[in-house]
Every structure is written in C-alpha cells, then in structure tokens.
Amino acid sequence: MTLFAYIVAALAEIAGCFAFWAWLRLDKSPLWLIPGVVALILFAWALTWIETSHAGRAYAAYGGVYITAAILWLWAVEGARPDRWDLIGGAVALAGTAIILFGPRSASA
C-alpha cells in the first residue's frame, strides 16, 4: 500500500503543479487550474495512506519518490531525455527514501 500511495501522490502532485505551470508559463487557459487543484487535493490525501505514526516521516520519504517521478515526467511528458546526472540524483534520492522507510526504529520512534 505504501508504494501505491507514493505513486499516486507523485503523479497527482506533478500533474497538479504542471497545470499551474501550463497556465502561467505556457499561456494555457485558467481552466487548467481546476484539474490542477483536484490533483493537488488527491496528492495530499494519498500521503495520508502511508502507514507511519509521523507525518513528517511520510513526507520526507516521499521526497525521493517525487524526485524520481519528476525525472520520469521530464522524459515521458516533456520529451527531454534524462542525463546521467538526473539518473544518479534520482538513485541517490531513492536510497534516502529507503533509509527513511526501512531503517531500524526504536519503539518510541
């Protein structure tokens, strides 16, 4: 469920932010803001599906997922092929996500 929640959150956040980008930077209609706001609400809701006792930990771990999803968006939607630095950065970010999610915790953490 955690992976699913992070994937939904990443897609929703990037889509929502891109809607604002399209409106402000690509001269798209202000109507793009409607699905953008809906997507951002879905993003916030999806992060509540993460099984953790602390919101900050879910958000911190999500950062690596977001970075990787943004690199995929760059390639799939914007047509810009990621370079080796994009890929290395995404891998480092995912490593950080794994440390946050799977690192051993004390009973009080």
PDB file of N, CA and C in Angstrom:
ATOM      1  N   MET A   1       0.825  -1.203   0.000  1.00  0.00           N
ATOM      2  CA  MET A   1       0.000   0.000   0.000  1.00  0.00           C
ATOM      3  C   MET A   1       0.864   1.260   0.000  1.00  0.00           C
ATOM      4  N   THR A   2       2.015   1.207   0.690  1.00  0.00           N
ATOM      5  CA  THR A   2       2.876   2.380   0.759  1.00  0.00           C
ATOM      6  C   THR A   2       3.370   2.785  -0.625  1.00  0.00           C
ATOM      7  N   LEU A   3       3.852   1.826  -1.394  1.00  0.00           N
ATOM      8  CA  LEU A   3       4.336   2.127  -2.739  1.00  0.00           C
ATOM      9  C   LEU A   3       3.217   2.705  -3.596  1.00  0.00           C
ATOM     10  N   PHE A   4       2.039   2.105  -3.519  1.00  0.00           N
ATOM     11  CA  PHE A   4       0.888   2.608  -4.280  1.00  0.00           C
ATOM     12  C   PHE A   4       0.567   4.051  -3.881  1.00  0.00           C
ATOM     13  N   ALA A   5       0.555   4.330  -2.583  1.00  0.00           N
ATOM     14  CA  ALA A   5       0.254   5.678  -2.102  1.00  0.00           C
ATOM     15  C   ALA A   5       1.277   6.681  -2.616  1.00  0.00           C
ATOM     16  N   TYR A   6       2.556   6.297  -2.586  1.00  0.00           N
ATOM     17  CA  TYR A   6       3.588   7.210  -3.071  1.00  0.00           C
ATOM     18  C   TYR A   6       3.480   7.443  -4.572  1.00  0.00           C
ATOM     19  N   ILE A   7       3.147   6.422  -5.326  1.00  0.00           N
ATOM     20  CA  ILE A   7       2.998   6.585  -6.773  1.00  0.00           C
ATOM     21  C   ILE A   7       1.818   7.500  -7.090  1.00  0.00           C
ATOM     22  N   VAL A   8       0.689   7.261  -6.428  1.00  0.00           N
ATOM     23  CA  VAL A   8      -0.487   8.126  -6.630  1.00  0.00           C
ATOM     24  C   VAL A   8      -0.155   9.563  -6.244  1.00  0.00           C
ATOM     25  N   ALA A   9       0.492   9.734  -5.095  1.00  0.00           N
ATOM     26  CA  ALA A   9       0.846  11.077  -4.634  1.00  0.00           C
ATOM     27  C   ALA A   9       1.761  11.775  -5.637  1.00  0.00           C
ATOM     28  N   ALA A  10       2.760  11.064  -6.121  1.00  0.00           N
ATOM     29  CA  ALA A  10       3.712  11.670  -7.057  1.00  0.00           C
ATOM     30  C   ALA A  10       3.031  12.090  -8.356  1.00  0.00           C
ATOM     31  N   LEU A  11       2.236  11.205  -8.921  1.00  0.00           N
ATOM     32  CA  LEU A  11       1.541  11.552 -10.163  1.00  0.00           C
ATOM     33  C   LEU A  11       0.593  12.723  -9.963  1.00  0.00           C
ATOM     34  N   ALA A  12      -0.125  12.710  -8.857  1.00  0.00           N
ATOM     35  CA  ALA A  12      -1.083  13.788  -8.591  1.00  0.00           C
ATOM     36  C   ALA A  12      -0.364  15.114  -8.354  1.00  0.00           C
ATOM     37  N   GLU A  13       0.718  15.093  -7.585  1.00  0.00           N
ATOM     38  CA  GLU A  13       1.424  16.350  -7.318  1.00  0.00           C
ATOM     39  C   GLU A  13       2.041  16.923  -8.584  1.00  0.00           C
ATOM     40  N   ILE A  14       2.686  16.085  -9.351  1.00  0.00           N
ATOM     41  CA  ILE A  14       3.311  16.583 -10.574  1.00  0.00           C
ATOM     42  C   ILE A  14       2.252  17.084 -11.553  1.00  0.00           C
ATOM     43  N   ALA A  15       1.168  16.356 -11.699  1.00  0.00           N
ATOM     44  CA  ALA A  15       0.100  16.806 -12.599  1.00  0.00           C
ATOM     45  C   ALA A  15      -0.499  18.128 -12.122  1.00  0.00           C
ATOM     46  N   GLY A  16      -0.732  18.235 -10.818  1.00  0.00           N
ATOM     47  CA  GLY A  16      -1.290  19.474 -10.277  1.00  0.00           C
ATOM     48  C   GLY A  16      -0.357  20.655 -10.459  1.00  0.00           C
ATOM     49  N   CYS A  17       0.911  20.449 -10.172  1.00  0.00           N
ATOM     50  CA  CYS A  17       1.884  21.527 -10.346  1.00  0.00           C
ATOM     51  C   CYS A  17       2.065  21.875 -11.819  1.00  0.00           C
ATOM     52  N   PHE A  18       2.044  20.862 -12.680  1.00  0.00           N
ATOM     53  CA  PHE A  18       2.186  21.124 -14.108  1.00  0.00           C
ATOM     54  C   PHE A  18       1.006  21.943 -14.635  1.00  0.00           C
ATOM     55  N   ALA A  19      -0.186  21.725 -14.092  1.00  0.00           N
ATOM     56  CA  ALA A  19      -1.345  22.512 -14.517  1.00  0.00           C
ATOM     57  C   ALA A  19      -1.107  23.998 -14.245  1.00  0.00           C
ATOM     58  N   PHE A  20      -0.542  24.318 -13.089  1.00  0.00           N
ATOM     59  CA  PHE A  20      -0.224  25.709 -12.784  1.00  0.00           C
ATOM     60  C   PHE A  20       0.891  26.227 -13.699  1.00  0.00           C
ATOM     61  N   TRP A  21       1.894  25.390 -13.936  1.00  0.00           N
ATOM     62  CA  TRP A  21       2.994  25.753 -14.841  1.00  0.00           C
ATOM     63  C   TRP A  21       2.431  26.057 -16.235  1.00  0.00           C
ATOM     64  N   ALA A  22       1.541  25.187 -16.710  1.00  0.00           N
ATOM     65  CA  ALA A  22       0.963  25.372 -18.040  1.00  0.00           C
ATOM     66  C   ALA A  22       0.189  26.687 -18.118  1.00  0.00           C
ATOM     67  N   TRP A  23      -0.558  26.998 -17.083  1.00  0.00           N
ATOM     68  CA  TRP A  23      -1.335  28.239 -17.063  1.00  0.00           C
ATOM     69  C   TRP A  23      -0.414  29.462 -17.056  1.00  0.00           C
ATOM     70  N   LEU A  24       0.580  29.446 -16.167  1.00  0.00           N
ATOM     71  CA  LEU A  24       1.417  30.634 -16.003  1.00  0.00           C
ATOM     72  C   LEU A  24       2.559  30.739 -17.014  1.00  0.00           C
ATOM     73  N   ARG A  25       3.120  29.622 -17.426  1.00  0.00           N
ATOM     74  CA  ARG A  25       4.319  29.671 -18.267  1.00  0.00           C
ATOM     75  C   ARG A  25       4.060  29.290 -19.717  1.00  0.00           C
ATOM     76  N   LEU A  26       3.006  28.532 -19.964  1.00  0.00           N
ATOM     77  CA  LEU A  26       2.724  28.080 -21.327  1.00  0.00           C
ATOM     78  C   LEU A  26       1.477  28.741 -21.909  1.00  0.00           C
ATOM     79  N   ASP A  27       0.950  29.736 -21.202  1.00  0.00           N
ATOM     80  CA  ASP A  27      -0.219  30.504 -21.657  1.00  0.00           C
ATOM     81  C   ASP A  27      -1.456  29.650 -21.922  1.00  0.00           C
ATOM     82  N   LYS A  28      -1.643  28.615 -21.109  1.00  0.00           N
ATOM     83  CA  LYS A  28      -2.858  27.799 -21.214  1.00  0.00           C
ATOM     84  C   LYS A  28      -3.995  28.515 -20.488  1.00  0.00           C
ATOM     85  N   SER A  29      -5.199  28.046 -20.735  1.00  0.00           N
ATOM     86  CA  SER A  29      -6.393  28.623 -20.130  1.00  0.00           C
ATOM     87  C   SER A  29      -6.373  28.490 -18.610  1.00  0.00           C
ATOM     88  N   PRO A  30      -6.956  29.462 -17.905  1.00  0.00           N
ATOM     89  CA  PRO A  30      -7.089  29.332 -16.442  1.00  0.00           C
ATOM     90  C   PRO A  30      -7.912  28.102 -16.034  1.00  0.00           C
ATOM     91  N   LEU A  31      -8.656  27.529 -16.968  1.00  0.00           N
ATOM     92  CA  LEU A  31      -9.417  26.313 -16.664  1.00  0.00           C
ATOM     93  C   LEU A  31      -8.495  25.144 -16.315  1.00  0.00           C
ATOM     94  N   TRP A  32      -7.227  25.229 -16.700  1.00  0.00           N
ATOM     95  CA  TRP A  32      -6.254  24.200 -16.314  1.00  0.00           C
ATOM     96  C   TRP A  32      -6.116  24.133 -14.791  1.00  0.00           C
ATOM     97  N   LEU A  33      -6.459  25.223 -14.106  1.00  0.00           N
ATOM     98  CA  LEU A  33      -6.318  25.248 -12.647  1.00  0.00           C
ATOM     99  C   LEU A  33      -7.308  24.315 -11.950  1.00  0.00           C
ATOM    100  N   ILE A  34      -8.445  24.061 -12.559  1.00  0.00           N
ATOM    101  CA  ILE A  34      -9.454  23.207 -11.924  1.00  0.00           C
ATOM    102  C   ILE A  34      -8.923  21.785 -11.731  1.00  0.00           C
ATOM    103  N   PRO A  35      -8.498  21.103 -12.784  1.00  0.00           N
ATOM    104  CA  PRO A  35      -7.940  19.765 -12.546  1.00  0.00           C
ATOM    105  C   PRO A  35      -6.642  19.824 -11.738  1.00  0.00           C
ATOM    106  N   GLY A  36      -5.922  20.943 -11.848  1.00  0.00           N
ATOM    107  CA  GLY A  36      -4.703  21.087 -11.064  1.00  0.00           C
ATOM    108  C   GLY A  36      -4.980  21.082  -9.570  1.00  0.00           C
ATOM    109  N   VAL A  37      -5.985  21.811  -9.146  1.00  0.00           N
ATOM    110  CA  VAL A  37      -6.352  21.843  -7.726  1.00  0.00           C
ATOM    111  C   VAL A  37      -6.867  20.480  -7.273  1.00  0.00           C
ATOM    112  N   VAL A  38      -7.677  19.835  -8.095  1.00  0.00           N
ATOM    113  CA  VAL A  38      -8.172  18.496  -7.758  1.00  0.00           C
ATOM    114  C   VAL A  38      -6.999  17.523  -7.587  1.00  0.00           C
ATOM    115  N   ALA A  39      -6.036  17.598  -8.486  1.00  0.00           N
ATOM    116  CA  ALA A  39      -4.870  16.716  -8.403  1.00  0.00           C
ATOM    117  C   ALA A  39      -4.074  16.981  -7.126  1.00  0.00           C
ATOM    118  N   LEU A  40      -3.927  18.248  -6.748  1.00  0.00           N
ATOM    119  CA  LEU A  40      -3.173  18.564  -5.532  1.00  0.00           C
ATOM    120  C   LEU A  40      -3.910  18.103  -4.274  1.00  0.00           C
ATOM    121  N   ILE A  41      -5.226  18.130  -4.304  1.00  0.00           N
ATOM    122  CA  ILE A  41      -6.002  17.580  -3.177  1.00  0.00           C
ATOM    123  C   ILE A  41      -5.789  16.067  -3.103  1.00  0.00           C
ATOM    124  N   LEU A  42      -5.821  15.390  -4.243  1.00  0.00           N
ATOM    125  CA  LEU A  42      -5.557  13.947  -4.275  1.00  0.00           C
ATOM    126  C   LEU A  42      -4.153  13.644  -3.753  1.00  0.00           C
ATOM    127  N   PHE A  43      -3.184  14.455  -4.125  1.00  0.00           N
ATOM    128  CA  PHE A  43      -1.812  14.294  -3.640  1.00  0.00           C
ATOM    129  C   PHE A  43      -1.769  14.316  -2.111  1.00  0.00           C
ATOM    130  N   ALA A  44      -2.365  15.326  -1.510  1.00  0.00           N
ATOM    131  CA  ALA A  44      -2.342  15.441  -0.046  1.00  0.00           C
ATOM    132  C   ALA A  44      -3.074  14.275   0.605  1.00  0.00           C
ATOM    133  N   TRP A  45      -4.177  13.879   0.025  1.00  0.00           N
ATOM    134  CA  TRP A  45      -4.952  12.763   0.581  1.00  0.00           C
ATOM    135  C   TRP A  45      -4.155  11.455   0.486  1.00  0.00           C
ATOM    136  N   ALA A  46      -3.498  11.233  -0.650  1.00  0.00           N
ATOM    137  CA  ALA A  46      -2.739   9.990  -0.843  1.00  0.00           C
ATOM    138  C   ALA A  46      -1.631   9.852   0.198  1.00  0.00           C
ATOM    139  N   LEU A  47      -1.019  10.952   0.599  1.00  0.00           N
ATOM    140  CA  LEU A  47       0.039  10.850   1.604  1.00  0.00           C
ATOM    141  C   LEU A  47      -0.490  10.409   2.967  1.00  0.00           C
ATOM    142  N   THR A  48      -1.779  10.585   3.205  1.00  0.00           N
ATOM    143  CA  THR A  48      -2.349  10.107   4.477  1.00  0.00           C
ATOM    144  C   THR A  48      -2.501   8.590   4.497  1.00  0.00           C
ATOM    145  N   TRP A  49      -2.352   7.935   3.358  1.00  0.00           N
ATOM    146  CA  TRP A  49      -2.456   6.474   3.286  1.00  0.00           C
ATOM    147  C   TRP A  49      -1.190   5.776   3.771  1.00  0.00           C
ATOM    148  N   ILE A  50      -0.107   6.522   3.946  1.00  0.00           N
ATOM    149  CA  ILE A  50       1.175   5.944   4.350  1.00  0.00           C
ATOM    150  C   ILE A  50       1.069   5.459   5.790  1.00  0.00           C
ATOM    151  N   GLU A  51       1.515   4.228   6.010  1.00  0.00           N
ATOM    152  CA  GLU A  51       1.480   3.635   7.350  1.00  0.00           C
ATOM    153  C   GLU A  51       2.692   4.107   8.158  1.00  0.00           C
ATOM    154  N   THR A  52       2.537   5.196   8.864  1.00  0.00           N
ATOM    155  CA  THR A  52       3.567   5.709   9.759  1.00  0.00           C
ATOM    156  C   THR A  52       2.884   6.532  10.842  1.00  0.00           C
ATOM    157  N   SER A  53       3.520   6.615  11.980  1.00  0.00           N
ATOM    158  CA  SER A  53       2.914   7.371  13.080  1.00  0.00           C
ATOM    159  C   SER A  53       3.243   8.859  13.000  1.00  0.00           C
ATOM    160  N   HIS A  54       4.133   9.255  12.095  1.00  0.00           N
ATOM    161  CA  HIS A  54       4.541  10.655  11.995  1.00  0.00           C
ATOM    162  C   HIS A  54       4.436  11.136  10.554  1.00  0.00           C
ATOM    163  N   ALA A  55       3.692  12.200  10.363  1.00  0.00           N
ATOM    164  CA  ALA A  55       3.509  12.751   9.021  1.00  0.00           C
ATOM    165  C   ALA A  55       4.836  13.171   8.404  1.00  0.00           C
ATOM    166  N   GLY A  56       5.705  13.777   9.189  1.00  0.00           N
ATOM    167  CA  GLY A  56       6.984  14.249   8.661  1.00  0.00           C
ATOM    168  C   GLY A  56       7.817  13.139   8.049  1.00  0.00           C
ATOM    169  N   ARG A  57       7.739  11.946   8.626  1.00  0.00           N
ATOM    170  CA  ARG A  57       8.500  10.817   8.070  1.00  0.00           C
ATOM    171  C   ARG A  57       7.920  10.406   6.718  1.00  0.00           C
ATOM    172  N   ALA A  58       6.609  10.389   6.604  1.00  0.00           N
ATOM    173  CA  ALA A  58       5.981  10.066   5.317  1.00  0.00           C
ATOM    174  C   ALA A  58       6.364  11.102   4.271  1.00  0.00           C
ATOM    175  N   TYR A  59       6.372  12.378   4.652  1.00  0.00           N
ATOM    176  CA  TYR A  59       6.711  13.444   3.707  1.00  0.00           C
ATOM    177  C   TYR A  59       8.178  13.372   3.307  1.00  0.00           C
ATOM    178  N   ALA A  60       9.051  13.106   4.274  1.00  0.00           N
ATOM    179  CA  ALA A  60      10.481  13.030   3.983  1.00  0.00           C
ATOM    180  C   ALA A  60      10.786  11.885   3.031  1.00  0.00           C
ATOM    181  N   ALA A  61      10.215  10.722   3.294  1.00  0.00           N
ATOM    182  CA  ALA A  61      10.434   9.572   2.416  1.00  0.00           C
ATOM    183  C   ALA A  61       9.843   9.835   1.033  1.00  0.00           C
ATOM    184  N   TYR A  62       8.751  10.556   0.974  1.00  0.00           N
ATOM    185  CA  TYR A  62       8.114  10.875  -0.293  1.00  0.00           C
ATOM    186  C   TYR A  62       9.032  11.713  -1.196  1.00  0.00           C
ATOM    187  N   GLY A  63       9.915  12.493  -0.597  1.00  0.00           N
ATOM    188  CA  GLY A  63      10.784  13.364  -1.378  1.00  0.00           C
ATOM    189  C   GLY A  63      11.551  12.620  -2.464  1.00  0.00           C
ATOM    190  N   GLY A  64      12.105  11.462  -2.129  1.00  0.00           N
ATOM    191  CA  GLY A  64      12.845  10.682  -3.116  1.00  0.00           C
ATOM    192  C   GLY A  64      11.956  10.144  -4.218  1.00  0.00           C
ATOM    193  N   VAL A  65      10.754   9.754  -3.849  1.00  0.00           N
ATOM    194  CA  VAL A  65       9.789   9.264  -4.842  1.00  0.00           C
ATOM    195  C   VAL A  65       9.422  10.406  -5.791  1.00  0.00           C
ATOM    196  N   TYR A  66       9.202  11.589  -5.229  1.00  0.00           N
ATOM    197  CA  TYR A  66       8.847  12.745  -6.043  1.00  0.00           C
ATOM    198  C   TYR A  66       9.958  13.085  -7.038  1.00  0.00           C
ATOM    199  N   ILE A  67      11.191  13.092  -6.567  1.00  0.00           N
ATOM    200  CA  ILE A  67      12.318  13.412  -7.445  1.00  0.00           C
ATOM    201  C   ILE A  67      12.371  12.430  -8.613  1.00  0.00           C
ATOM    202  N   THR A  68      12.227  11.160  -8.323  1.00  0.00           N
ATOM    203  CA  THR A  68      12.258  10.140  -9.372  1.00  0.00           C
ATOM    204  C   THR A  68      11.082  10.295 -10.329  1.00  0.00           C
ATOM    205  N   ALA A  69       9.900  10.543  -9.792  1.00  0.00           N
ATOM    206  CA  ALA A  69       8.719  10.739 -10.641  1.00  0.00           C
ATOM    207  C   ALA A  69       8.873  11.982 -11.518  1.00  0.00           C
ATOM    208  N   ALA A  70       9.480  13.027 -10.984  1.00  0.00           N
ATOM    209  CA  ALA A  70       9.685  14.242 -11.774  1.00  0.00           C
ATOM    210  C   ALA A  70      10.641  13.983 -12.937  1.00  0.00           C
ATOM    211  N   ILE A  71      11.650  13.157 -12.707  1.00  0.00           N
ATOM    212  CA  ILE A  71      12.577  12.802 -13.793  1.00  0.00           C
ATOM    213  C   ILE A  71      11.843  11.992 -14.864  1.00  0.00           C
ATOM    214  N   LEU A  72      10.981  11.084 -14.429  1.00  0.00           N
ATOM    215  CA  LEU A  72      10.185  10.317 -15.400  1.00  0.00           C
ATOM    216  C   LEU A  72       9.226  11.232 -16.162  1.00  0.00           C
ATOM    217  N   TRP A  73       8.629  12.204 -15.476  1.00  0.00           N
ATOM    218  CA  TRP A  73       7.741  13.182 -16.111  1.00  0.00           C
ATOM    219  C   TRP A  73       8.509  13.969 -17.172  1.00  0.00           C
ATOM    220  N   LEU A  74       9.715  14.400 -16.822  1.00  0.00           N
ATOM    221  CA  LEU A  74      10.579  15.126 -17.745  1.00  0.00           C
ATOM    222  C   LEU A  74      10.717  14.364 -19.056  1.00  0.00           C
ATOM    223  N   TRP A  75      10.894  13.062 -18.951  1.00  0.00           N
ATOM    224  CA  TRP A  75      11.107  12.219 -20.117  1.00  0.00           C
ATOM    225  C   TRP A  75       9.790  11.909 -20.836  1.00  0.00           C
ATOM    226  N   ALA A  76       8.803  11.421 -20.083  1.00  0.00           N
ATOM    227  CA  ALA A  76       7.559  10.930 -20.697  1.00  0.00           C
ATOM    228  C   ALA A  76       6.650  12.040 -21.205  1.00  0.00           C
ATOM    229  N   VAL A  77       6.554  13.129 -20.474  1.00  0.00           N
ATOM    230  CA  VAL A  77       5.595  14.184 -20.829  1.00  0.00           C
ATOM    231  C   VAL A  77       6.267  15.328 -21.578  1.00  0.00           C
ATOM    232  N   GLU A  78       7.446  15.734 -21.123  1.00  0.00           N
ATOM    233  CA  GLU A  78       8.104  16.883 -21.723  1.00  0.00           C
ATOM    234  C   GLU A  78       9.079  16.503 -22.836  1.00  0.00           C
ATOM    235  N   GLY A  79       9.337  15.214 -22.984  1.00  0.00           N
ATOM    236  CA  GLY A  79      10.167  14.750 -24.079  1.00  0.00           C
ATOM    237  C   GLY A  79      11.658  15.032 -23.948  1.00  0.00           C
ATOM    238  N   ALA A  80      12.115  15.374 -22.747  1.00  0.00           N
ATOM    239  CA  ALA A  80      13.543  15.614 -22.528  1.00  0.00           C
ATOM    240  C   ALA A  80      14.144  14.380 -21.868  1.00  0.00           C
ATOM    241  N   ARG A  81      15.076  13.767 -22.553  1.00  0.00           N
ATOM    242  CA  ARG A  81      15.692  12.547 -22.018  1.00  0.00           C
ATOM    243  C   ARG A  81      16.573  12.881 -20.817  1.00  0.00           C
ATOM    244  N   PRO A  82      16.371  12.174 -19.698  1.00  0.00           N
ATOM    245  CA  PRO A  82      17.213  12.420 -18.524  1.00  0.00           C
ATOM    246  C   PRO A  82      18.682  12.092 -18.825  1.00  0.00           C
ATOM    247  N   ASP A  83      19.583  12.917 -18.301  1.00  0.00           N
ATOM    248  CA  ASP A  83      21.002  12.624 -18.481  1.00  0.00           C
ATOM    249  C   ASP A  83      21.507  11.808 -17.285  1.00  0.00           C
ATOM    250  N   ARG A  84      22.769  11.470 -17.311  1.00  0.00           N
ATOM    251  CA  ARG A  84      23.299  10.607 -16.250  1.00  0.00           C
ATOM    252  C   ARG A  84      23.196  11.259 -14.889  1.00  0.00           C
ATOM    253  N   TRP A  85      23.279  12.597 -14.827  1.00  0.00           N
ATOM    254  CA  TRP A  85      23.192  13.281 -13.532  1.00  0.00           C
ATOM    255  C   TRP A  85      21.774  13.228 -12.990  1.00  0.00           C
ATOM    256  N   ASP A  86      20.787  13.308 -13.865  1.00  0.00           N
ATOM    257  CA  ASP A  86      19.391  13.121 -13.441  1.00  0.00           C
ATOM    258  C   ASP A  86      19.219  11.728 -12.838  1.00  0.00           C
ATOM    259  N   LEU A  87      19.738  10.725 -13.542  1.00  0.00           N
ATOM    260  CA  LEU A  87      19.581   9.341 -13.092  1.00  0.00           C
ATOM    261  C   LEU A  87      20.332   9.073 -11.787  1.00  0.00           C
ATOM    262  N   ILE A  88      21.547   9.604 -11.677  1.00  0.00           N
ATOM    263  CA  ILE A  88      22.301   9.433 -10.430  1.00  0.00           C
ATOM    264  C   ILE A  88      21.580  10.131  -9.279  1.00  0.00           C
ATOM    265  N   GLY A  89      21.121  11.340  -9.505  1.00  0.00           N
ATOM    266  CA  GLY A  89      20.389  12.072  -8.470  1.00  0.00           C
ATOM    267  C   GLY A  89      19.130  11.345  -8.037  1.00  0.00           C
ATOM    268  N   GLY A  90      18.389  10.790  -8.997  1.00  0.00           N
ATOM    269  CA  GLY A  90      17.190  10.015  -8.668  1.00  0.00           C
ATOM    270  C   GLY A  90      17.519   8.787  -7.846  1.00  0.00           C
ATOM    271  N   ALA A  91      18.609   8.107  -8.189  1.00  0.00           N
ATOM    272  CA  ALA A  91      19.022   6.919  -7.436  1.00  0.00           C
ATOM    273  C   ALA A  91      19.411   7.274  -6.011  1.00  0.00           C
ATOM    274  N   VAL A  92      20.136   8.375  -5.850  1.00  0.00           N
ATOM    275  CA  VAL A  92      20.526   8.824  -4.503  1.00  0.00           C
ATOM    276  C   VAL A  92      19.280   9.183  -3.695  1.00  0.00           C
ATOM    277  N   ALA A  93      18.340   9.859  -4.334  1.00  0.00           N
ATOM    278  CA  ALA A  93      17.103  10.236  -3.637  1.00  0.00           C
ATOM    279  C   ALA A  93      16.317   9.003  -3.196  1.00  0.00           C
ATOM    280  N   LEU A  94      16.227   7.995  -4.072  1.00  0.00           N
ATOM    281  CA  LEU A  94      15.523   6.764  -3.699  1.00  0.00           C
ATOM    282  C   LEU A  94      16.246   6.016  -2.589  1.00  0.00           C
ATOM    283  N   ALA A  95      17.569   6.087  -2.580  1.00  0.00           N
ATOM    284  CA  ALA A  95      18.318   5.471  -1.482  1.00  0.00           C
ATOM    285  C   ALA A  95      17.944   6.154  -0.164  1.00  0.00           C
ATOM    286  N   GLY A  96      17.823   7.463  -0.192  1.00  0.00           N
ATOM    287  CA  GLY A  96      17.395   8.188   1.006  1.00  0.00           C
ATOM    288  C   GLY A  96      15.993   7.792   1.440  1.00  0.00           C
ATOM    289  N   THR A  97      15.114   7.619   0.494  1.00  0.00           N
ATOM    290  CA  THR A  97      13.759   7.164   0.800  1.00  0.00           C
ATOM    291  C   THR A  97      13.792   5.806   1.490  1.00  0.00           C
ATOM    292  N   ALA A  98      14.585   4.884   0.959  1.00  0.00           N
ATOM    293  CA  ALA A  98      14.679   3.542   1.543  1.00  0.00           C
ATOM    294  C   ALA A  98      15.228   3.598   2.966  1.00  0.00           C
ATOM    295  N   ILE A  99      16.220   4.450   3.193  1.00  0.00           N
ATOM    296  CA  ILE A  99      16.769   4.579   4.547  1.00  0.00           C
ATOM    297  C   ILE A  99      15.701   5.068   5.518  1.00  0.00           C
ATOM    298  N   ILE A 100      14.946   6.070   5.097  1.00  0.00           N
ATOM    299  CA  ILE A 100      13.897   6.614   5.967  1.00  0.00           C
ATOM    300  C   ILE A 100      12.808   5.581   6.223  1.00  0.00           C
ATOM    301  N   LEU A 101      12.365   4.893   5.179  1.00  0.00           N
ATOM    302  CA  LEU A 101      11.262   3.939   5.338  1.00  0.00           C
ATOM    303  C   LEU A 101      11.652   2.668   6.048  1.00  0.00           C
ATOM    304  N   PHE A 102      12.834   2.143   5.753  1.00  0.00           N
ATOM    305  CA  PHE A 102      13.185   0.797   6.220  1.00  0.00           C
ATOM    306  C   PHE A 102      14.262   0.761   7.301  1.00  0.00           C
ATOM    307  N   GLY A 103      14.763   1.921   7.697  1.00  0.00           N
ATOM    308  CA  GLY A 103      15.768   1.949   8.755  1.00  0.00           C
ATOM    309  C   GLY A 103      15.186   1.442  10.071  1.00  0.00           C
ATOM    310  N   PRO A 104      16.026   0.786  10.871  1.00  0.00           N
ATOM    311  CA  PRO A 104      15.526   0.271  12.152  1.00  0.00           C
ATOM    312  C   PRO A 104      15.111   1.414  13.071  1.00  0.00           C
ATOM    313  N   ARG A 105      14.024   1.236  13.753  1.00  0.00           N
ATOM    314  CA  ARG A 105      13.490   2.261  14.652  1.00  0.00           C
ATOM    315  C   ARG A 105      13.360   1.704  16.038  1.00  0.00           C
ATOM    316  N   SER A 106      13.547   2.560  17.014  1.00  0.00           N
ATOM    317  CA  SER A 106      13.262   2.161  18.397  1.00  0.00           C
ATOM    318  C   SER A 106      11.756   2.195  18.599  1.00  0.00           C
ATOM    319  N   ALA A 107      11.276   1.616  19.642  1.00  0.00           N
ATOM    320  CA  ALA A 107       9.839   1.539  19.908  1.00  0.00           C
ATOM    321  C   ALA A 107       9.213   2.920  20.036  1.00  0.00           C
ATOM    322  N   SER A 108       9.988   3.925  20.452  1.00  0.00           N
ATOM    323  CA  SER A 108       9.433   5.265  20.637  1.00  0.00           C
ATOM    324  C   SER A 108       9.487   6.130  19.387  1.00  0.00           C
ATOM    325  N   ALA A 109      10.108   5.637  18.311  1.00  0.00           N
ATOM    326  CA  ALA A 109      10.277   6.473  17.106  1.00  0.00           C
ATOM    327  C   ALA A 109       9.051   6.464  16.283  1.00  0.00           C
TER     328      ALA A 109
END
